[in-house]
Structures are given as C-alpha cells and as structure tokens.
Amino acid sequence: MRQAIVTKFVGPTNTKGGRIIAQSLAGKLVVPYDHALPTEANHTGAAVALARLKGWTGSMIGGGSPDCSGFCFVFETVRVAGMVEAPELRVEVVAL
C-alpha cells in the first residue's frame, strides 16, 4: 500500500552534514542535502528515493507542510471503471 511521504531537513552537526529525512509509515530514508539543488528539489529527490526503495509507482504530487517543517508527498491515482490505477512514477529532479 502506498502511503504519504513526509520530508524534513536536519541541519549539520559536528559529525554529519545537512540531510533530508523522508519518512512514511513503511519506513524512512536519510539522504544527504545537495547544496547545488534548490530546497524543493532536495525534498522531492528524497521522497522519490524512498518511493523507489519501497517499489511504489505512480505520479507524486507534493507541497509544503502546514507547519513549514518540510514537505508532504502523496500519489495521485486515477479511477477507471471502479478500479484504482496509478501510472508509472514521472518525477524527475533537475538542477535549475
């Protein structure tokens, strides 16, 4: 079952660099923050990486969380004849 993915930035410490934590009920993944990319691209990339790790497919949509602590991503599904189908993942992270 696909689930919402929530991402959050964690700042650098004395031993680790900045990173993005992508988390869902099924698990979490920590991805290093890439300062060459915009903030949204870092969060989207982490969410895509977790989705791929879990084998989830479909079109993801996302946006900022209400408390401004990160982003939330969900899968967009299409209803066809009473069945729910999700197309292949079409998210690509590119540097602007």
PDB file of N, CA and C in Angstrom:
ATOM      1  N   MET A   1       0.832  -1.172   0.000  1.00  0.00           N
ATOM      2  CA  MET A   1       0.000   0.000   0.000  1.00  0.00           C
ATOM      3  C   MET A   1       0.883   1.243   0.000  1.00  0.00           C
ATOM      4  N   ARG A   2       0.582   2.173  -0.868  1.00  0.00           N
ATOM      5  CA  ARG A   2       1.310   3.434  -0.889  1.00  0.00           C
ATOM      6  C   ARG A   2       0.856   4.320   0.260  1.00  0.00           C
ATOM      7  N   GLN A   3       1.757   5.125   0.737  1.00  0.00           N
ATOM      8  CA  GLN A   3       1.472   5.998   1.861  1.00  0.00           C
ATOM      9  C   GLN A   3       2.021   7.387   1.578  1.00  0.00           C
ATOM     10  N   ALA A   4       1.580   8.359   2.346  1.00  0.00           N
ATOM     11  CA  ALA A   4       2.144   9.698   2.234  1.00  0.00           C
ATOM     12  C   ALA A   4       3.602   9.659   2.675  1.00  0.00           C
ATOM     13  N   ILE A   5       4.418  10.487   2.045  1.00  0.00           N
ATOM     14  CA  ILE A   5       5.817  10.619   2.413  1.00  0.00           C
ATOM     15  C   ILE A   5       6.027  12.042   2.919  1.00  0.00           C
ATOM     16  N   VAL A   6       6.566  12.156   4.113  1.00  0.00           N
ATOM     17  CA  VAL A   6       6.853  13.455   4.711  1.00  0.00           C
ATOM     18  C   VAL A   6       8.363  13.629   4.746  1.00  0.00           C
ATOM     19  N   THR A   7       8.836  14.795   4.325  1.00  0.00           N
ATOM     20  CA  THR A   7      10.274  15.066   4.345  1.00  0.00           C
ATOM     21  C   THR A   7      10.572  16.208   5.303  1.00  0.00           C
ATOM     22  N   LYS A   8      11.782  16.171   5.851  1.00  0.00           N
ATOM     23  CA  LYS A   8      12.195  17.179   6.824  1.00  0.00           C
ATOM     24  C   LYS A   8      13.697  17.399   6.700  1.00  0.00           C
ATOM     25  N   PHE A   9      14.129  18.655   6.753  1.00  0.00           N
ATOM     26  CA  PHE A   9      15.550  18.975   6.723  1.00  0.00           C
ATOM     27  C   PHE A   9      16.116  18.877   8.133  1.00  0.00           C
ATOM     28  N   VAL A  10      17.289  18.263   8.245  1.00  0.00           N
ATOM     29  CA  VAL A  10      18.012  18.194   9.511  1.00  0.00           C
ATOM     30  C   VAL A  10      19.363  18.864   9.268  1.00  0.00           C
ATOM     31  N   GLY A  11      19.657  19.868  10.047  1.00  0.00           N
ATOM     32  CA  GLY A  11      20.886  20.640   9.871  1.00  0.00           C
ATOM     33  C   GLY A  11      22.137  19.855  10.206  1.00  0.00           C
ATOM     34  N   PRO A  12      23.278  20.388   9.790  1.00  0.00           N
ATOM     35  CA  PRO A  12      24.548  19.706  10.033  1.00  0.00           C
ATOM     36  C   PRO A  12      24.922  19.698  11.513  1.00  0.00           C
ATOM     37  N   THR A  13      25.707  18.699  11.877  1.00  0.00           N
ATOM     38  CA  THR A  13      26.249  18.600  13.230  1.00  0.00           C
ATOM     39  C   THR A  13      27.776  18.564  13.112  1.00  0.00           C
ATOM     40  N   ASN A  14      28.450  18.307  14.195  1.00  0.00           N
ATOM     41  CA  ASN A  14      29.910  18.199  14.148  1.00  0.00           C
ATOM     42  C   ASN A  14      30.377  16.968  13.377  1.00  0.00           C
ATOM     43  N   THR A  15      29.506  15.967  13.254  1.00  0.00           N
ATOM     44  CA  THR A  15      29.910  14.717  12.600  1.00  0.00           C
ATOM     45  C   THR A  15      29.158  14.412  11.310  1.00  0.00           C
ATOM     46  N   LYS A  16      28.029  15.081  11.059  1.00  0.00           N
ATOM     47  CA  LYS A  16      27.231  14.806   9.862  1.00  0.00           C
ATOM     48  C   LYS A  16      26.855  16.106   9.165  1.00  0.00           C
ATOM     49  N   GLY A  17      26.757  16.034   7.845  1.00  0.00           N
ATOM     50  CA  GLY A  17      26.318  17.187   7.072  1.00  0.00           C
ATOM     51  C   GLY A  17      24.802  17.312   7.109  1.00  0.00           C
ATOM     52  N   GLY A  18      24.290  18.376   6.501  1.00  0.00           N
ATOM     53  CA  GLY A  18      22.846  18.548   6.382  1.00  0.00           C
ATOM     54  C   GLY A  18      22.233  17.388   5.620  1.00  0.00           C
ATOM     55  N   ARG A  19      21.009  17.047   5.953  1.00  0.00           N
ATOM     56  CA  ARG A  19      20.371  15.907   5.303  1.00  0.00           C
ATOM     57  C   ARG A  19      18.860  16.077   5.301  1.00  0.00           C
ATOM     58  N   ILE A  20      18.218  15.301   4.442  1.00  0.00           N
ATOM     59  CA  ILE A  20      16.764  15.261   4.351  1.00  0.00           C
ATOM     60  C   ILE A  20      16.322  13.882   4.818  1.00  0.00           C
ATOM     61  N   ILE A  21      15.349  13.849   5.719  1.00  0.00           N
ATOM     62  CA  ILE A  21      14.757  12.585   6.151  1.00  0.00           C
ATOM     63  C   ILE A  21      13.414  12.457   5.452  1.00  0.00           C
ATOM     64  N   ALA A  22      13.258  11.408   4.670  1.00  0.00           N
ATOM     65  CA  ALA A  22      11.982  11.085   4.027  1.00  0.00           C
ATOM     66  C   ALA A  22      11.379   9.936   4.820  1.00  0.00           C
ATOM     67  N   GLN A  23      10.133  10.119   5.285  1.00  0.00           N
ATOM     68  CA  GLN A  23       9.540   9.120   6.170  1.00  0.00           C
ATOM     69  C   GLN A  23       8.089   8.849   5.803  1.00  0.00           C
ATOM     70  N   SER A  24       7.727   7.577   5.901  1.00  0.00           N
ATOM     71  CA  SER A  24       6.338   7.143   5.754  1.00  0.00           C
ATOM     72  C   SER A  24       6.095   6.089   6.827  1.00  0.00           C
ATOM     73  N   LEU A  25       4.890   5.606   6.910  1.00  0.00           N
ATOM     74  CA  LEU A  25       4.591   4.567   7.881  1.00  0.00           C
ATOM     75  C   LEU A  25       5.416   3.308   7.588  1.00  0.00           C
ATOM     76  N   ALA A  26       5.769   3.086   6.319  1.00  0.00           N
ATOM     77  CA  ALA A  26       6.508   1.884   5.912  1.00  0.00           C
ATOM     78  C   ALA A  26       7.999   1.961   6.196  1.00  0.00           C
ATOM     79  N   GLY A  27       8.514   3.129   6.548  1.00  0.00           N
ATOM     80  CA  GLY A  27       9.935   3.253   6.834  1.00  0.00           C
ATOM     81  C   GLY A  27      10.452   4.634   6.499  1.00  0.00           C
ATOM     82  N   LYS A  28      11.765   4.799   6.661  1.00  0.00           N
ATOM     83  CA  LYS A  28      12.355   6.102   6.370  1.00  0.00           C
ATOM     84  C   LYS A  28      13.692   5.935   5.669  1.00  0.00           C
ATOM     85  N   LEU A  29      14.146   7.029   5.085  1.00  0.00           N
ATOM     86  CA  LEU A  29      15.395   7.062   4.344  1.00  0.00           C
ATOM     87  C   LEU A  29      16.043   8.418   4.604  1.00  0.00           C
ATOM     88  N   VAL A  30      17.343   8.435   4.829  1.00  0.00           N
ATOM     89  CA  VAL A  30      18.075   9.675   5.037  1.00  0.00           C
ATOM     90  C   VAL A  30      18.942   9.927   3.812  1.00  0.00           C
ATOM     91  N   VAL A  31      18.820  11.124   3.231  1.00  0.00           N
ATOM     92  CA  VAL A  31      19.540  11.483   2.009  1.00  0.00           C
ATOM     93  C   VAL A  31      20.368  12.740   2.291  1.00  0.00           C
ATOM     94  N   PRO A  32      21.645  12.763   1.895  1.00  0.00           N
ATOM     95  CA  PRO A  32      22.446  13.981   2.105  1.00  0.00           C
ATOM     96  C   PRO A  32      21.844  15.169   1.366  1.00  0.00           C
ATOM     97  N   TYR A  33      21.909  16.344   1.971  1.00  0.00           N
ATOM     98  CA  TYR A  33      21.418  17.567   1.340  1.00  0.00           C
ATOM     99  C   TYR A  33      22.415  18.011   0.280  1.00  0.00           C
ATOM    100  N   ASP A  34      21.925  18.271  -0.932  1.00  0.00           N
ATOM    101  CA  ASP A  34      22.768  18.712  -2.043  1.00  0.00           C
ATOM    102  C   ASP A  34      22.602  20.217  -2.193  1.00  0.00           C
ATOM    103  N   HIS A  35      23.607  20.986  -1.771  1.00  0.00           N
ATOM    104  CA  HIS A  35      23.511  22.446  -1.794  1.00  0.00           C
ATOM    105  C   HIS A  35      23.489  23.025  -3.207  1.00  0.00           C
ATOM    106  N   ALA A  36      23.777  22.209  -4.214  1.00  0.00           N
ATOM    107  CA  ALA A  36      23.716  22.661  -5.604  1.00  0.00           C
ATOM    108  C   ALA A  36      22.273  22.684  -6.112  1.00  0.00           C
ATOM    109  N   LEU A  37      21.353  22.069  -5.385  1.00  0.00           N
ATOM    110  CA  LEU A  37      19.947  21.999  -5.792  1.00  0.00           C
ATOM    111  C   LEU A  37      19.089  22.918  -4.936  1.00  0.00           C
ATOM    112  N   PRO A  38      17.943  23.370  -5.475  1.00  0.00           N
ATOM    113  CA  PRO A  38      17.011  24.144  -4.656  1.00  0.00           C
ATOM    114  C   PRO A  38      16.416  23.272  -3.544  1.00  0.00           C
ATOM    115  N   THR A  39      15.904  23.907  -2.523  1.00  0.00           N
ATOM    116  CA  THR A  39      15.321  23.192  -1.381  1.00  0.00           C
ATOM    117  C   THR A  39      14.262  22.191  -1.815  1.00  0.00           C
ATOM    118  N   GLU A  40      13.320  22.627  -2.655  1.00  0.00           N
ATOM    119  CA  GLU A  40      12.232  21.746  -3.079  1.00  0.00           C
ATOM    120  C   GLU A  40      12.758  20.524  -3.829  1.00  0.00           C
ATOM    121  N   ALA A  41      13.801  20.698  -4.632  1.00  0.00           N
ATOM    122  CA  ALA A  41      14.381  19.575  -5.371  1.00  0.00           C
ATOM    123  C   ALA A  41      15.016  18.567  -4.418  1.00  0.00           C
ATOM    124  N   ASN A  42      15.626  19.037  -3.335  1.00  0.00           N
ATOM    125  CA  ASN A  42      16.198  18.128  -2.341  1.00  0.00           C
ATOM    126  C   ASN A  42      15.102  17.303  -1.675  1.00  0.00           C
ATOM    127  N   HIS A  43      14.016  17.934  -1.296  1.00  0.00           N
ATOM    128  CA  HIS A  43      12.920  17.222  -0.642  1.00  0.00           C
ATOM    129  C   HIS A  43      12.241  16.253  -1.614  1.00  0.00           C
ATOM    130  N   THR A  44      12.018  16.699  -2.846  1.00  0.00           N
ATOM    131  CA  THR A  44      11.405  15.825  -3.852  1.00  0.00           C
ATOM    132  C   THR A  44      12.296  14.630  -4.141  1.00  0.00           C
ATOM    133  N   GLY A  45      13.596  14.861  -4.267  1.00  0.00           N
ATOM    134  CA  GLY A  45      14.536  13.770  -4.524  1.00  0.00           C
ATOM    135  C   GLY A  45      14.526  12.729  -3.416  1.00  0.00           C
ATOM    136  N   ALA A  46      14.455  13.177  -2.170  1.00  0.00           N
ATOM    137  CA  ALA A  46      14.409  12.238  -1.036  1.00  0.00           C
ATOM    138  C   ALA A  46      13.115  11.433  -1.054  1.00  0.00           C
ATOM    139  N   ALA A  47      11.996  12.095  -1.369  1.00  0.00           N
ATOM    140  CA  ALA A  47      10.712  11.388  -1.432  1.00  0.00           C
ATOM    141  C   ALA A  47      10.708  10.363  -2.566  1.00  0.00           C
ATOM    142  N   VAL A  48      11.251  10.732  -3.705  1.00  0.00           N
ATOM    143  CA  VAL A  48      11.339   9.806  -4.843  1.00  0.00           C
ATOM    144  C   VAL A  48      12.229   8.617  -4.493  1.00  0.00           C
ATOM    145  N   ALA A  49      13.345   8.876  -3.817  1.00  0.00           N
ATOM    146  CA  ALA A  49      14.248   7.785  -3.429  1.00  0.00           C
ATOM    147  C   ALA A  49      13.552   6.796  -2.500  1.00  0.00           C
ATOM    148  N   LEU A  50      12.772   7.297  -1.539  1.00  0.00           N
ATOM    149  CA  LEU A  50      12.040   6.401  -0.641  1.00  0.00           C
ATOM    150  C   LEU A  50      10.971   5.622  -1.404  1.00  0.00           C
ATOM    151  N   ALA A  51      10.256   6.295  -2.293  1.00  0.00           N
ATOM    152  CA  ALA A  51       9.225   5.619  -3.091  1.00  0.00           C
ATOM    153  C   ALA A  51       9.833   4.497  -3.930  1.00  0.00           C
ATOM    154  N   ARG A  52      10.956   4.759  -4.557  1.00  0.00           N
ATOM    155  CA  ARG A  52      11.624   3.734  -5.364  1.00  0.00           C
ATOM    156  C   ARG A  52      12.107   2.578  -4.493  1.00  0.00           C
ATOM    157  N   LEU A  53      12.636   2.893  -3.315  1.00  0.00           N
ATOM    158  CA  LEU A  53      13.092   1.860  -2.387  1.00  0.00           C
ATOM    159  C   LEU A  53      11.944   0.930  -1.999  1.00  0.00           C
ATOM    160  N   LYS A  54      10.760   1.498  -1.828  1.00  0.00           N
ATOM    161  CA  LYS A  54       9.583   0.720  -1.437  1.00  0.00           C
ATOM    162  C   LYS A  54       8.876   0.081  -2.634  1.00  0.00           C
ATOM    163  N   GLY A  55       9.304   0.410  -3.853  1.00  0.00           N
ATOM    164  CA  GLY A  55       8.687  -0.161  -5.045  1.00  0.00           C
ATOM    165  C   GLY A  55       7.366   0.480  -5.408  1.00  0.00           C
ATOM    166  N   TRP A  56       7.126   1.687  -4.933  1.00  0.00           N
ATOM    167  CA  TRP A  56       5.871   2.375  -5.225  1.00  0.00           C
ATOM    168  C   TRP A  56       5.973   3.079  -6.569  1.00  0.00           C
ATOM    169  N   THR A  57       4.908   3.059  -7.326  1.00  0.00           N
ATOM    170  CA  THR A  57       4.856   3.733  -8.613  1.00  0.00           C
ATOM    171  C   THR A  57       3.659   4.662  -8.636  1.00  0.00           C
ATOM    172  N   GLY A  58       3.634   5.543  -9.600  1.00  0.00           N
ATOM    173  CA  GLY A  58       2.535   6.487  -9.729  1.00  0.00           C
ATOM    174  C   GLY A  58       3.065   7.899  -9.831  1.00  0.00           C
ATOM    175  N   SER A  59       2.176   8.820 -10.040  1.00  0.00           N
ATOM    176  CA  SER A  59       2.542  10.235 -10.109  1.00  0.00           C
ATOM    177  C   SER A  59       2.466  10.828  -8.717  1.00  0.00           C
ATOM    178  N   MET A  60       3.567  11.405  -8.267  1.00  0.00           N
ATOM    179  CA  MET A  60       3.586  12.029  -6.949  1.00  0.00           C
ATOM    180  C   MET A  60       3.289  13.513  -7.078  1.00  0.00           C
ATOM    181  N   ILE A  61       2.518  14.009  -6.136  1.00  0.00           N
ATOM    182  CA  ILE A  61       2.309  15.443  -6.015  1.00  0.00           C
ATOM    183  C   ILE A  61       2.665  15.824  -4.586  1.00  0.00           C
ATOM    184  N   GLY A  62       3.107  17.029  -4.391  1.00  0.00           N
ATOM    185  CA  GLY A  62       3.516  17.413  -3.050  1.00  0.00           C
ATOM    186  C   GLY A  62       3.540  18.902  -2.859  1.00  0.00           C
ATOM    187  N   GLY A  63       3.779  19.283  -1.635  1.00  0.00           N
ATOM    188  CA  GLY A  63       3.864  20.691  -1.292  1.00  0.00           C
ATOM    189  C   GLY A  63       4.337  20.846   0.130  1.00  0.00           C
ATOM    190  N   GLY A  64       4.483  22.086   0.537  1.00  0.00           N
ATOM    191  CA  GLY A  64       4.963  22.388   1.872  1.00  0.00           C
ATOM    192  C   GLY A  64       3.978  21.957   2.943  1.00  0.00           C
ATOM    193  N   SER A  65       4.518  21.582   4.088  1.00  0.00           N
ATOM    194  CA  SER A  65       3.666  21.186   5.214  1.00  0.00           C
ATOM    195  C   SER A  65       3.107  22.441   5.891  1.00  0.00           C
ATOM    196  N   PRO A  66       1.968  22.323   6.558  1.00  0.00           N
ATOM    197  CA  PRO A  66       1.348  23.496   7.182  1.00  0.00           C
ATOM    198  C   PRO A  66       2.236  24.172   8.231  1.00  0.00           C
ATOM    199  N   ASP A  67       3.079  23.404   8.907  1.00  0.00           N
ATOM    200  CA  ASP A  67       3.921  23.999   9.948  1.00  0.00           C
ATOM    201  C   ASP A  67       5.298  24.430   9.411  1.00  0.00           C
ATOM    202  N   CYS A  68       5.477  24.371   8.095  1.00  0.00           N
ATOM    203  CA  CYS A  68       6.715  24.795   7.419  1.00  0.00           C
ATOM    204  C   CYS A  68       7.945  24.005   7.863  1.00  0.00           C
ATOM    205  N   SER A  69       7.738  22.782   8.363  1.00  0.00           N
ATOM    206  CA  SER A  69       8.880  21.972   8.806  1.00  0.00           C
ATOM    207  C   SER A  69       9.436  21.105   7.687  1.00  0.00           C
ATOM    208  N   GLY A  70       8.770  21.050   6.554  1.00  0.00           N
ATOM    209  CA  GLY A  70       9.219  20.213   5.446  1.00  0.00           C
ATOM    210  C   GLY A  70       8.167  20.151   4.362  1.00  0.00           C
ATOM    211  N   PHE A  71       8.096  19.012   3.692  1.00  0.00           N
ATOM    212  CA  PHE A  71       7.158  18.819   2.597  1.00  0.00           C
ATOM    213  C   PHE A  71       6.395  17.513   2.806  1.00  0.00           C
ATOM    214  N   CYS A  72       5.267  17.376   2.125  1.00  0.00           N
ATOM    215  CA  CYS A  72       4.486  16.144   2.151  1.00  0.00           C
ATOM    216  C   CYS A  72       4.173  15.764   0.710  1.00  0.00           C
ATOM    217  N   PHE A  73       4.340  14.494   0.393  1.00  0.00           N
ATOM    218  CA  PHE A  73       4.102  13.995  -0.964  1.00  0.00           C
ATOM    219  C   PHE A  73       3.105  12.852  -0.906  1.00  0.00           C
ATOM    220  N   VAL A  74       2.178  12.824  -1.860  1.00  0.00           N
ATOM    221  CA  VAL A  74       1.209  11.731  -1.973  1.00  0.00           C
ATOM    222  C   VAL A  74       1.150  11.308  -3.435  1.00  0.00           C
ATOM    223  N   PHE A  75       0.606  10.133  -3.668  1.00  0.00           N
ATOM    224  CA  PHE A  75       0.478   9.625  -5.022  1.00  0.00           C
ATOM    225  C   PHE A  75      -0.889   9.976  -5.577  1.00  0.00           C
ATOM    226  N   GLU A  76      -0.876  10.478  -6.789  1.00  0.00           N
ATOM    227  CA  GLU A  76      -2.113  10.802  -7.495  1.00  0.00           C
ATOM    228  C   GLU A  76      -2.574   9.520  -8.184  1.00  0.00           C
ATOM    229  N   THR A  77      -3.826   9.153  -7.997  1.00  0.00           N
ATOM    230  CA  THR A  77      -4.347   7.945  -8.636  1.00  0.00           C
ATOM    231  C   THR A  77      -5.502   8.311  -9.551  1.00  0.00           C
ATOM    232  N   VAL A  78      -5.756   7.449 -10.500  1.00  0.00           N
ATOM    233  CA  VAL A  78      -6.829   7.644 -11.468  1.00  0.00           C
ATOM    234  C   VAL A  78      -7.826   6.508 -11.309  1.00  0.00           C
ATOM    235  N   ARG A  79      -9.100   6.825 -11.193  1.00  0.00           N
ATOM    236  CA  ARG A  79     -10.125   5.791 -11.085  1.00  0.00           C
ATOM    237  C   ARG A  79     -10.641   5.434 -12.476  1.00  0.00           C
ATOM    238  N   VAL A  80     -10.571   4.156 -12.790  1.00  0.00           N
ATOM    239  CA  VAL A  80     -11.048   3.666 -14.083  1.00  0.00           C
ATOM    240  C   VAL A  80     -11.972   2.487 -13.826  1.00  0.00           C
ATOM    241  N   ALA A  81     -13.225   2.605 -14.182  1.00  0.00           N
ATOM    242  CA  ALA A  81     -14.208   1.529 -14.042  1.00  0.00           C
ATOM    243  C   ALA A  81     -14.185   0.915 -12.645  1.00  0.00           C
ATOM    244  N   GLY A  82     -14.151   1.754 -11.629  1.00  0.00           N
ATOM    245  CA  GLY A  82     -14.199   1.272 -10.260  1.00  0.00           C
ATOM    246  C   GLY A  82     -12.877   0.775  -9.703  1.00  0.00           C
ATOM    247  N   MET A  83     -11.827   0.756 -10.518  1.00  0.00           N
ATOM    248  CA  MET A  83     -10.520   0.305 -10.041  1.00  0.00           C
ATOM    249  C   MET A  83      -9.592   1.500  -9.925  1.00  0.00           C
ATOM    250  N   VAL A  84      -8.672   1.427  -9.022  1.00  0.00           N
ATOM    251  CA  VAL A  84      -7.685   2.492  -8.876  1.00  0.00           C
ATOM    252  C   VAL A  84      -6.397   2.041  -9.555  1.00  0.00           C
ATOM    253  N   GLU A  85      -5.941   2.853 -10.496  1.00  0.00           N
ATOM    254  CA  GLU A  85      -4.700   2.550 -11.192  1.00  0.00           C
ATOM    255  C   GLU A  85      -3.765   3.741 -11.049  1.00  0.00           C
ATOM    256  N   ALA A  86      -2.500   3.479 -10.942  1.00  0.00           N
ATOM    257  CA  ALA A  86      -1.507   4.545 -10.835  1.00  0.00           C
ATOM    258  C   ALA A  86      -0.497   4.382 -11.961  1.00  0.00           C
ATOM    259  N   PRO A  87      -0.294   5.429 -12.751  1.00  0.00           N
ATOM    260  CA  PRO A  87       0.712   5.340 -13.814  1.00  0.00           C
ATOM    261  C   PRO A  87       2.120   5.281 -13.227  1.00  0.00           C
ATOM    262  N   GLU A  88       3.086   5.015 -14.085  1.00  0.00           N
ATOM    263  CA  GLU A  88       4.481   4.948 -13.637  1.00  0.00           C
ATOM    264  C   GLU A  88       4.924   6.281 -13.042  1.00  0.00           C
ATOM    265  N   LEU A  89       5.875   6.221 -12.147  1.00  0.00           N
ATOM    266  CA  LEU A  89       6.412   7.405 -11.496  1.00  0.00           C
ATOM    267  C   LEU A  89       7.028   8.319 -12.528  1.00  0.00           C
ATOM    268  N   ARG A  90       6.591   9.577 -12.581  1.00  0.00           N
ATOM    269  CA  ARG A  90       7.059  10.517 -13.583  1.00  0.00           C
ATOM    270  C   ARG A  90       7.737  11.725 -12.951  1.00  0.00           C
ATOM    271  N   VAL A  91       8.427  11.523 -11.883  1.00  0.00           N
ATOM    272  CA  VAL A  91       9.084  12.639 -11.189  1.00  0.00           C
ATOM    273  C   VAL A  91      10.556  12.640 -11.543  1.00  0.00           C
ATOM    274  N   GLU A  92      11.059  13.788 -11.939  1.00  0.00           N
ATOM    275  CA  GLU A  92      12.473  13.908 -12.257  1.00  0.00           C
ATOM    276  C   GLU A  92      13.012  15.147 -11.545  1.00  0.00           C
ATOM    277  N   VAL A  93      14.121  15.007 -10.870  1.00  0.00           N
ATOM    278  CA  VAL A  93      14.725  16.127 -10.166  1.00  0.00           C
ATOM    279  C   VAL A  93      15.849  16.665 -11.042  1.00  0.00           C
ATOM    280  N   VAL A  94      15.764  17.944 -11.364  1.00  0.00           N
ATOM    281  CA  VAL A  94      16.802  18.578 -12.172  1.00  0.00           C
ATOM    282  C   VAL A  94      17.251  19.866 -11.498  1.00  0.00           C
ATOM    283  N   ALA A  95      18.495  20.183 -11.645  1.00  0.00           N
ATOM    284  CA  ALA A  95      19.012  21.440 -11.114  1.00  0.00           C
ATOM    285  C   ALA A  95      18.589  22.579 -12.033  1.00  0.00           C
ATOM    286  N   LEU A  96      18.174  23.676 -11.457  1.00  0.00           N
ATOM    287  CA  LEU A  96      17.767  24.832 -12.261  1.00  0.00           C
ATOM    288  C   LEU A  96      18.891  25.822 -12.432  1.00  0.00           C
TER     289      LEU A  96
END
